[in-house]
Amino acid sequence: MTNNELITLVLSTASFAVSLFIAGWTVFRDAIQKPKFRVTISIKKVFMPDGIKTIGPDIFVEALNLGPSPNRAVAVFARPSWLNRKLGKRSAYIHPDYTHIANNVPKERIEVGNGATFVFPLSTNTFLDAGFSQVGVSDGFGKIHWADRKEMLKAAEQAKKHRGSAAN
C-alpha cells in the first residue's frame, strides 16, 4: 500500500465516522430526546402602565421551554411529598385563572426560549396551603416537569407574608 492510498483510506474512514456521528446525533435529537421545561413558582404583582395601579399579588407558575424542540404547556399539577404519596394522598390538577391579564398560555406550541405563565388568585385557601410539596406543568407528551421543592416553600412563605400584610 502506497503512502497516498494510506492517506486516502484514513481520510475516508474519518469522514465516515463523522457522518455516522452526525446521523446518530440527529436521530437522538429528533426522536429520542424530548423537550424540557424549567418550572418556577412565585408570588408577583402586575403593575399597570400608569405605574400607580397594581393587580395582585397572585401566584405565578411559569414554564420556560429549554428545548431542543417546540412543545406545549398543557396543565398545572401539584403533588404531595413522597411519604404522603405512599400513604395514599393523591396529586391534584390546579385550574388557573384564564381571565387574568398576566395569564399567558399559548394554544399553539411554545418555541425554544419562550414560556407559558399560569396565574392563580392568592386567596385564603390555595394549593400552597394544602400540603403539597411540588408544583409542575405537563407538556404535550404527557410528562410533568416539576419545580424545585425549595421554590414551593419560598412561595408559601411569600403568600403568608402577603396575607399578613393585607390583614394589617
N, C-alpha and C. Protein backbone atom coordinates (compact mmCIF):
# COMPACT_ATOMS: atom_id res chain seq x y z
N MET A 1 0.86 -1.17 0.00
CA MET A 1 0.00 0.00 0.00
C MET A 1 0.91 1.23 0.00
N THR A 2 0.61 2.14 -0.92
CA THR A 2 1.44 3.34 -1.02
C THR A 2 1.00 4.38 0.00
N ASN A 3 1.79 5.41 0.12
CA ASN A 3 1.53 6.48 1.08
C ASN A 3 0.24 7.23 0.74
N ASN A 4 0.00 7.48 -0.55
CA ASN A 4 -1.22 8.18 -0.98
C ASN A 4 -2.47 7.34 -0.69
N GLU A 5 -2.38 6.04 -0.90
CA GLU A 5 -3.52 5.17 -0.61
C GLU A 5 -3.82 5.14 0.88
N LEU A 6 -2.81 5.17 1.72
CA LEU A 6 -3.00 5.18 3.17
C LEU A 6 -3.68 6.47 3.63
N ILE A 7 -3.23 7.60 3.09
CA ILE A 7 -3.85 8.89 3.44
C ILE A 7 -5.31 8.91 3.00
N THR A 8 -5.60 8.42 1.82
CA THR A 8 -6.97 8.36 1.32
C THR A 8 -7.84 7.47 2.20
N LEU A 9 -7.31 6.34 2.61
CA LEU A 9 -8.06 5.42 3.48
C LEU A 9 -8.34 6.05 4.85
N VAL A 10 -7.37 6.73 5.43
CA VAL A 10 -7.57 7.38 6.74
C VAL A 10 -8.60 8.50 6.63
N LEU A 11 -8.50 9.32 5.59
CA LEU A 11 -9.46 10.43 5.42
C LEU A 11 -10.88 9.92 5.18
N SER A 12 -11.03 8.89 4.38
CA SER A 12 -12.37 8.37 4.13
C SER A 12 -12.95 7.70 5.38
N THR A 13 -12.11 7.05 6.18
CA THR A 13 -12.58 6.46 7.44
C THR A 13 -13.00 7.55 8.42
N ALA A 14 -12.22 8.63 8.52
CA ALA A 14 -12.58 9.74 9.40
C ALA A 14 -13.87 10.41 8.93
N SER A 15 -14.02 10.57 7.62
CA SER A 15 -15.24 11.16 7.07
C SER A 15 -16.45 10.29 7.38
N PHE A 16 -16.29 8.98 7.25
CA PHE A 16 -17.39 8.06 7.57
C PHE A 16 -17.75 8.14 9.05
N ALA A 17 -16.75 8.23 9.92
CA ALA A 17 -17.01 8.31 11.37
C ALA A 17 -17.76 9.60 11.72
N VAL A 18 -17.37 10.71 11.11
CA VAL A 18 -18.05 11.99 11.37
C VAL A 18 -19.49 11.93 10.88
N SER A 19 -19.73 11.41 9.69
CA SER A 19 -21.10 11.34 9.17
C SER A 19 -21.95 10.37 10.00
N LEU A 20 -21.37 9.30 10.50
CA LEU A 20 -22.10 8.37 11.37
C LEU A 20 -22.48 9.05 12.68
N PHE A 21 -21.57 9.83 13.26
CA PHE A 21 -21.86 10.58 14.49
C PHE A 21 -22.98 11.59 14.25
N ILE A 22 -22.93 12.31 13.14
CA ILE A 22 -23.96 13.32 12.85
C ILE A 22 -25.32 12.64 12.66
N ALA A 23 -25.36 11.52 11.97
CA ALA A 23 -26.63 10.80 11.79
C ALA A 23 -27.17 10.32 13.13
N GLY A 24 -26.30 9.78 13.98
CA GLY A 24 -26.76 9.33 15.30
C GLY A 24 -27.25 10.48 16.15
N TRP A 25 -26.56 11.61 16.13
CA TRP A 25 -26.99 12.77 16.91
C TRP A 25 -28.34 13.29 16.41
N THR A 26 -28.56 13.29 15.11
CA THR A 26 -29.83 13.76 14.55
C THR A 26 -30.98 12.87 15.02
N VAL A 27 -30.78 11.58 15.00
CA VAL A 27 -31.83 10.66 15.48
C VAL A 27 -32.07 10.88 16.97
N PHE A 28 -31.02 11.02 17.75
CA PHE A 28 -31.16 11.25 19.19
C PHE A 28 -31.89 12.56 19.46
N ARG A 29 -31.52 13.62 18.76
CA ARG A 29 -32.11 14.94 18.99
C ARG A 29 -33.59 14.97 18.61
N ASP A 30 -33.94 14.37 17.47
CA ASP A 30 -35.30 14.48 16.96
C ASP A 30 -36.24 13.39 17.45
N ALA A 31 -35.74 12.19 17.67
CA ALA A 31 -36.63 11.08 18.00
C ALA A 31 -36.58 10.67 19.46
N ILE A 32 -35.43 10.76 20.08
CA ILE A 32 -35.29 10.24 21.44
C ILE A 32 -35.39 11.34 22.48
N GLN A 33 -34.62 12.40 22.32
CA GLN A 33 -34.59 13.47 23.32
C GLN A 33 -35.87 14.30 23.25
N LYS A 34 -36.54 14.46 24.37
CA LYS A 34 -37.79 15.21 24.43
C LYS A 34 -37.54 16.59 25.03
N PRO A 35 -38.38 17.55 24.70
CA PRO A 35 -38.21 18.90 25.24
C PRO A 35 -38.35 18.93 26.76
N LYS A 36 -37.68 19.89 27.37
CA LYS A 36 -37.73 20.06 28.81
C LYS A 36 -38.25 21.45 29.14
N PHE A 37 -38.99 21.55 30.24
CA PHE A 37 -39.45 22.83 30.76
C PHE A 37 -38.75 23.10 32.08
N ARG A 38 -38.38 24.35 32.32
CA ARG A 38 -37.94 24.78 33.65
C ARG A 38 -39.15 25.46 34.27
N VAL A 39 -39.64 24.90 35.38
CA VAL A 39 -40.85 25.40 36.04
C VAL A 39 -40.46 26.18 37.28
N THR A 40 -41.06 27.37 37.42
CA THR A 40 -40.83 28.20 38.60
C THR A 40 -42.18 28.63 39.16
N ILE A 41 -42.21 28.88 40.46
CA ILE A 41 -43.42 29.35 41.13
C ILE A 41 -43.03 30.52 42.01
N SER A 42 -43.84 31.57 42.00
CA SER A 42 -43.56 32.74 42.82
C SER A 42 -44.83 33.56 43.00
N ILE A 43 -44.75 34.49 43.94
CA ILE A 43 -45.84 35.43 44.20
C ILE A 43 -45.43 36.76 43.57
N LYS A 44 -46.28 37.31 42.70
CA LYS A 44 -45.94 38.54 41.99
C LYS A 44 -47.13 39.48 41.93
N LYS A 45 -46.82 40.74 41.67
CA LYS A 45 -47.82 41.75 41.39
C LYS A 45 -47.63 42.21 39.95
N VAL A 46 -48.72 42.66 39.33
CA VAL A 46 -48.65 43.21 37.99
C VAL A 46 -48.86 44.71 38.10
N PHE A 47 -47.89 45.48 37.63
CA PHE A 47 -48.02 46.93 37.62
C PHE A 47 -48.63 47.35 36.30
N MET A 48 -49.67 48.15 36.38
CA MET A 48 -50.35 48.63 35.19
C MET A 48 -49.50 49.71 34.52
N PRO A 49 -49.77 50.04 33.25
CA PRO A 49 -48.94 51.01 32.53
C PRO A 49 -48.90 52.40 33.18
N ASP A 50 -49.92 52.76 33.96
CA ASP A 50 -49.88 54.08 34.60
C ASP A 50 -48.86 54.13 35.74
N GLY A 51 -48.37 52.98 36.19
CA GLY A 51 -47.37 52.92 37.23
C GLY A 51 -47.91 53.08 38.63
N ILE A 52 -49.20 53.31 38.77
CA ILE A 52 -49.81 53.54 40.08
C ILE A 52 -50.62 52.32 40.52
N LYS A 53 -51.46 51.84 39.63
CA LYS A 53 -52.36 50.74 39.95
C LYS A 53 -51.64 49.40 39.81
N THR A 54 -51.91 48.48 40.74
CA THR A 54 -51.33 47.14 40.67
C THR A 54 -52.45 46.10 40.75
N ILE A 55 -52.17 44.96 40.17
CA ILE A 55 -53.07 43.81 40.26
C ILE A 55 -52.31 42.75 41.04
N GLY A 56 -52.96 42.21 42.03
CA GLY A 56 -52.32 41.14 42.78
C GLY A 56 -52.10 41.50 44.22
N PRO A 57 -51.32 40.76 44.91
CA PRO A 57 -50.42 39.69 44.47
C PRO A 57 -51.16 38.42 44.08
N ASP A 58 -50.57 37.69 43.15
CA ASP A 58 -51.12 36.43 42.67
C ASP A 58 -50.00 35.39 42.63
N ILE A 59 -50.41 34.13 42.47
CA ILE A 59 -49.45 33.03 42.35
C ILE A 59 -49.17 32.82 40.86
N PHE A 60 -47.90 32.86 40.49
CA PHE A 60 -47.49 32.67 39.11
C PHE A 60 -46.71 31.37 39.00
N VAL A 61 -47.15 30.50 38.10
CA VAL A 61 -46.40 29.29 37.76
C VAL A 61 -45.96 29.47 36.31
N GLU A 62 -44.64 29.49 36.11
CA GLU A 62 -44.11 29.76 34.78
C GLU A 62 -43.31 28.57 34.28
N ALA A 63 -43.45 28.28 33.00
CA ALA A 63 -42.73 27.17 32.37
C ALA A 63 -41.96 27.71 31.18
N LEU A 64 -40.64 27.55 31.21
CA LEU A 64 -39.76 28.00 30.14
C LEU A 64 -39.30 26.79 29.35
N ASN A 65 -39.50 26.81 28.03
CA ASN A 65 -39.09 25.69 27.18
C ASN A 65 -37.58 25.75 26.95
N LEU A 66 -36.87 24.74 27.44
CA LEU A 66 -35.42 24.68 27.29
C LEU A 66 -34.98 23.92 26.03
N GLY A 67 -35.94 23.40 25.27
CA GLY A 67 -35.61 22.76 24.02
C GLY A 67 -35.38 21.27 24.17
N PRO A 68 -34.99 20.60 23.15
CA PRO A 68 -34.45 21.07 21.88
C PRO A 68 -35.49 21.31 20.80
N SER A 69 -36.77 21.11 21.07
CA SER A 69 -37.80 21.33 20.06
C SER A 69 -39.00 22.01 20.71
N PRO A 70 -39.90 22.57 19.89
CA PRO A 70 -41.10 23.21 20.44
C PRO A 70 -41.98 22.20 21.17
N ASN A 71 -42.77 22.69 22.13
CA ASN A 71 -43.63 21.83 22.93
C ASN A 71 -44.81 22.65 23.43
N ARG A 72 -45.80 21.98 23.98
CA ARG A 72 -46.97 22.66 24.55
C ARG A 72 -46.95 22.54 26.07
N ALA A 73 -47.36 23.61 26.74
CA ALA A 73 -47.60 23.56 28.19
C ALA A 73 -49.10 23.37 28.35
N VAL A 74 -49.51 22.28 28.98
CA VAL A 74 -50.92 21.90 28.98
C VAL A 74 -51.62 22.26 30.28
N ALA A 75 -51.13 21.79 31.40
CA ALA A 75 -51.85 21.96 32.66
C ALA A 75 -50.88 22.00 33.83
N VAL A 76 -51.39 22.48 34.98
CA VAL A 76 -50.59 22.58 36.19
C VAL A 76 -51.07 21.53 37.19
N PHE A 77 -50.13 20.84 37.81
CA PHE A 77 -50.42 19.82 38.81
C PHE A 77 -49.62 20.10 40.07
N ALA A 78 -50.13 19.63 41.19
CA ALA A 78 -49.40 19.68 42.46
C ALA A 78 -49.35 18.26 43.01
N ARG A 79 -48.23 17.94 43.66
CA ARG A 79 -48.12 16.60 44.24
C ARG A 79 -47.58 16.71 45.67
N PRO A 80 -48.00 15.77 46.52
CA PRO A 80 -47.50 15.76 47.90
C PRO A 80 -46.09 15.18 47.96
N SER A 81 -45.53 15.17 49.14
CA SER A 81 -44.20 14.58 49.33
C SER A 81 -44.27 13.07 49.07
N TRP A 82 -43.13 12.46 48.90
CA TRP A 82 -43.12 11.03 48.55
C TRP A 82 -43.74 10.18 49.65
N LEU A 83 -43.56 10.57 50.91
CA LEU A 83 -44.14 9.80 52.01
C LEU A 83 -45.67 9.88 51.97
N ASN A 84 -46.20 11.08 51.75
CA ASN A 84 -47.65 11.22 51.66
C ASN A 84 -48.21 10.49 50.44
N ARG A 85 -47.45 10.43 49.34
CA ARG A 85 -47.89 9.67 48.17
C ARG A 85 -47.96 8.19 48.51
N LYS A 86 -47.00 7.70 49.28
CA LYS A 86 -47.01 6.28 49.68
C LYS A 86 -48.17 6.00 50.64
N LEU A 87 -48.57 7.01 51.41
CA LEU A 87 -49.69 6.84 52.35
C LEU A 87 -51.05 7.07 51.69
N GLY A 88 -51.06 7.36 50.39
CA GLY A 88 -52.33 7.43 49.67
C GLY A 88 -52.80 8.81 49.27
N LYS A 89 -52.08 9.88 49.61
CA LYS A 89 -52.51 11.21 49.17
C LYS A 89 -52.19 11.35 47.69
N ARG A 90 -53.14 11.90 46.96
CA ARG A 90 -53.00 11.96 45.51
C ARG A 90 -52.56 13.34 45.03
N SER A 91 -52.06 13.36 43.80
CA SER A 91 -51.73 14.62 43.15
C SER A 91 -53.01 15.32 42.73
N ALA A 92 -52.91 16.61 42.42
CA ALA A 92 -54.11 17.38 42.08
C ALA A 92 -53.86 18.24 40.85
N TYR A 93 -54.89 18.33 40.01
CA TYR A 93 -54.89 19.27 38.89
C TYR A 93 -55.30 20.63 39.46
N ILE A 94 -54.62 21.69 39.05
CA ILE A 94 -54.94 23.02 39.54
C ILE A 94 -55.41 23.86 38.37
N HIS A 95 -56.62 24.38 38.48
CA HIS A 95 -57.21 25.17 37.39
C HIS A 95 -56.79 26.63 37.52
N PRO A 96 -56.12 27.20 36.50
CA PRO A 96 -55.67 28.59 36.60
C PRO A 96 -56.79 29.58 36.30
N ASP A 97 -56.51 30.85 36.56
CA ASP A 97 -57.42 31.95 36.26
C ASP A 97 -57.12 32.43 34.85
N TYR A 98 -57.85 31.91 33.86
CA TYR A 98 -57.58 32.25 32.47
C TYR A 98 -57.97 33.68 32.12
N THR A 99 -58.74 34.35 32.98
CA THR A 99 -59.16 35.71 32.69
C THR A 99 -58.16 36.75 33.19
N HIS A 100 -57.15 36.33 33.94
CA HIS A 100 -56.17 37.27 34.48
C HIS A 100 -55.35 37.88 33.34
N ILE A 101 -55.02 39.16 33.50
CA ILE A 101 -54.31 39.88 32.44
C ILE A 101 -52.91 39.32 32.18
N ALA A 102 -52.28 38.74 33.19
CA ALA A 102 -50.92 38.22 33.04
C ALA A 102 -50.88 36.76 32.59
N ASN A 103 -52.04 36.10 32.51
CA ASN A 103 -52.06 34.70 32.10
C ASN A 103 -51.65 34.61 30.64
N ASN A 104 -50.65 33.80 30.35
CA ASN A 104 -50.10 33.71 29.01
C ASN A 104 -49.84 32.24 28.69
N VAL A 105 -50.88 31.53 28.34
CA VAL A 105 -50.73 30.12 27.97
C VAL A 105 -51.08 30.00 26.49
N PRO A 106 -50.08 29.91 25.63
CA PRO A 106 -50.37 29.81 24.20
C PRO A 106 -51.08 28.51 23.86
N LYS A 107 -51.98 28.59 22.92
CA LYS A 107 -52.70 27.40 22.49
C LYS A 107 -51.85 26.58 21.51
N GLU A 108 -50.90 27.23 20.88
CA GLU A 108 -50.01 26.55 19.94
C GLU A 108 -48.74 26.12 20.67
N ARG A 109 -47.82 25.60 19.93
CA ARG A 109 -46.54 25.16 20.50
C ARG A 109 -45.74 26.35 21.05
N ILE A 110 -44.98 26.08 22.08
CA ILE A 110 -44.09 27.08 22.65
C ILE A 110 -42.70 26.84 22.08
N GLU A 111 -42.16 27.83 21.41
CA GLU A 111 -40.84 27.69 20.81
C GLU A 111 -39.77 27.64 21.90
N VAL A 112 -38.60 27.17 21.54
CA VAL A 112 -37.48 27.09 22.47
C VAL A 112 -37.11 28.50 22.92
N GLY A 113 -37.00 28.69 24.23
CA GLY A 113 -36.68 30.01 24.79
C GLY A 113 -37.90 30.81 25.18
N ASN A 114 -39.08 30.40 24.75
CA ASN A 114 -40.32 31.07 25.15
C ASN A 114 -40.96 30.29 26.29
N GLY A 115 -41.95 30.92 26.93
CA GLY A 115 -42.57 30.27 28.07
C GLY A 115 -44.06 30.48 28.14
N ALA A 116 -44.66 29.85 29.13
CA ALA A 116 -46.08 29.99 29.42
C ALA A 116 -46.21 30.40 30.88
N THR A 117 -47.22 31.23 31.17
CA THR A 117 -47.46 31.71 32.53
C THR A 117 -48.88 31.33 32.93
N PHE A 118 -48.99 30.60 34.03
CA PHE A 118 -50.28 30.26 34.62
C PHE A 118 -50.44 31.11 35.87
N VAL A 119 -51.60 31.76 36.02
CA VAL A 119 -51.82 32.65 37.16
C VAL A 119 -52.97 32.11 38.00
N PHE A 120 -52.78 32.14 39.33
CA PHE A 120 -53.78 31.68 40.28
C PHE A 120 -54.02 32.78 41.30
N PRO A 121 -55.27 33.03 41.67
CA PRO A 121 -55.52 34.07 42.67
C PRO A 121 -54.96 33.66 44.04
N LEU A 122 -54.42 34.64 44.74
CA LEU A 122 -53.89 34.40 46.08
C LEU A 122 -55.00 34.68 47.08
N SER A 123 -55.76 33.64 47.37
CA SER A 123 -56.87 33.77 48.32
C SER A 123 -56.45 33.16 49.66
N THR A 124 -57.40 33.02 50.55
CA THR A 124 -57.08 32.50 51.88
C THR A 124 -56.78 31.00 51.86
N ASN A 125 -57.32 30.27 50.89
CA ASN A 125 -57.11 28.83 50.84
C ASN A 125 -56.67 28.46 49.43
N THR A 126 -55.38 28.22 49.23
CA THR A 126 -54.84 27.87 47.92
C THR A 126 -54.13 26.53 48.00
N PHE A 127 -53.62 26.09 46.87
CA PHE A 127 -52.87 24.82 46.85
C PHE A 127 -51.57 24.95 47.64
N LEU A 128 -51.11 26.17 47.90
CA LEU A 128 -49.91 26.35 48.73
C LEU A 128 -50.18 25.94 50.18
N ASP A 129 -51.46 25.99 50.60
CA ASP A 129 -51.83 25.65 51.97
C ASP A 129 -52.31 24.20 52.10
N ALA A 130 -52.37 23.46 51.01
CA ALA A 130 -52.99 22.13 51.03
C ALA A 130 -52.01 21.00 51.30
N GLY A 131 -50.78 21.30 51.64
CA GLY A 131 -49.83 20.25 51.98
C GLY A 131 -49.12 19.62 50.79
N PHE A 132 -49.12 20.29 49.66
CA PHE A 132 -48.38 19.79 48.51
C PHE A 132 -46.93 20.24 48.60
N SER A 133 -46.02 19.42 48.09
CA SER A 133 -44.60 19.78 48.19
C SER A 133 -44.02 20.26 46.87
N GLN A 134 -44.69 19.96 45.75
CA GLN A 134 -44.18 20.38 44.45
C GLN A 134 -45.31 20.76 43.53
N VAL A 135 -45.00 21.65 42.60
CA VAL A 135 -45.93 22.03 41.55
C VAL A 135 -45.23 21.79 40.22
N GLY A 136 -46.00 21.35 39.22
CA GLY A 136 -45.40 21.03 37.93
C GLY A 136 -46.33 21.36 36.78
N VAL A 137 -45.76 21.39 35.59
CA VAL A 137 -46.50 21.68 34.37
C VAL A 137 -46.36 20.48 33.44
N SER A 138 -47.49 19.99 32.93
CA SER A 138 -47.44 18.88 31.99
C SER A 138 -47.25 19.42 30.58
N ASP A 139 -46.56 18.63 29.76
CA ASP A 139 -46.30 19.06 28.40
C ASP A 139 -47.16 18.28 27.41
N GLY A 140 -46.94 18.52 26.13
CA GLY A 140 -47.72 17.87 25.09
C GLY A 140 -47.50 16.37 25.00
N PHE A 141 -46.42 15.86 25.58
CA PHE A 141 -46.15 14.43 25.58
C PHE A 141 -46.69 13.74 26.82
N GLY A 142 -47.28 14.51 27.75
CA GLY A 142 -47.83 13.94 28.98
C GLY A 142 -46.86 13.89 30.14
N LYS A 143 -45.63 14.33 29.93
CA LYS A 143 -44.65 14.34 31.01
C LYS A 143 -44.86 15.59 31.86
N ILE A 144 -44.71 15.43 33.18
CA ILE A 144 -44.86 16.57 34.09
C ILE A 144 -43.47 17.01 34.52
N HIS A 145 -43.20 18.29 34.33
CA HIS A 145 -41.92 18.90 34.71
C HIS A 145 -42.15 19.62 36.03
N TRP A 146 -41.40 19.25 37.08
CA TRP A 146 -41.64 19.74 38.43
C TRP A 146 -40.70 20.88 38.79
N ALA A 147 -41.23 21.84 39.55
CA ALA A 147 -40.40 22.91 40.11
C ALA A 147 -39.68 22.38 41.35
N ASP A 148 -38.65 23.08 41.76
CA ASP A 148 -37.92 22.68 42.97
C ASP A 148 -38.82 22.81 44.20
N ARG A 149 -38.60 21.93 45.15
CA ARG A 149 -39.35 21.99 46.41
C ARG A 149 -39.05 23.29 47.16
N LYS A 150 -37.81 23.76 47.05
CA LYS A 150 -37.44 25.00 47.73
C LYS A 150 -38.24 26.18 47.21
N GLU A 151 -38.50 26.20 45.91
CA GLU A 151 -39.31 27.28 45.34
C GLU A 151 -40.73 27.23 45.87
N MET A 152 -41.27 26.03 46.03
CA MET A 152 -42.62 25.88 46.57
C MET A 152 -42.67 26.40 48.01
N LEU A 153 -41.67 26.06 48.82
CA LEU A 153 -41.62 26.55 50.20
C LEU A 153 -41.48 28.06 50.24
N LYS A 154 -40.63 28.60 49.37
CA LYS A 154 -40.44 30.05 49.33
C LYS A 154 -41.73 30.76 48.91
N ALA A 155 -42.45 30.20 47.94
CA ALA A 155 -43.72 30.79 47.51
C ALA A 155 -44.76 30.73 48.63
N ALA A 156 -44.78 29.64 49.40
CA ALA A 156 -45.72 29.54 50.53
C ALA A 156 -45.40 30.59 51.59
N GLU A 157 -44.10 30.81 51.85
CA GLU A 157 -43.71 31.86 52.81
C GLU A 157 -44.10 33.24 52.31
N GLN A 158 -43.89 33.49 51.01
CA GLN A 158 -44.28 34.78 50.43
C GLN A 158 -45.79 34.98 50.52
N ALA A 159 -46.55 33.91 50.30
CA ALA A 159 -48.00 34.02 50.37
C ALA A 159 -48.44 34.37 51.79
N LYS A 160 -47.85 33.72 52.79
CA LYS A 160 -48.19 34.04 54.19
C LYS A 160 -47.83 35.48 54.51
N LYS A 161 -46.70 35.94 54.00
CA LYS A 161 -46.27 37.32 54.25
C LYS A 161 -47.25 38.31 53.62
N HIS A 162 -47.68 38.05 52.40
CA HIS A 162 -48.62 38.95 51.72
C HIS A 162 -49.98 38.93 52.40
N ARG A 163 -50.41 37.75 52.85
CA ARG A 163 -51.69 37.69 53.56
C ARG A 163 -51.60 38.43 54.89
N GLY A 164 -50.47 38.31 55.58
CA GLY A 164 -50.28 39.00 56.85
C GLY A 164 -50.27 40.51 56.68
N SER A 165 -49.62 40.99 55.61
CA SER A 165 -49.59 42.44 55.38
C SER A 165 -50.94 42.94 54.90
N ALA A 166 -51.73 42.10 54.22
CA ALA A 166 -53.06 42.52 53.78
C ALA A 166 -54.03 42.57 54.96
N ALA A 167 -53.81 41.72 55.97
CA ALA A 167 -54.70 41.70 57.13
C ALA A 167 -54.46 42.91 58.03
N ASN A 168 -53.23 43.43 58.01
CA ASN A 168 -52.91 44.59 58.87
C ASN A 168 -53.37 45.89 58.27
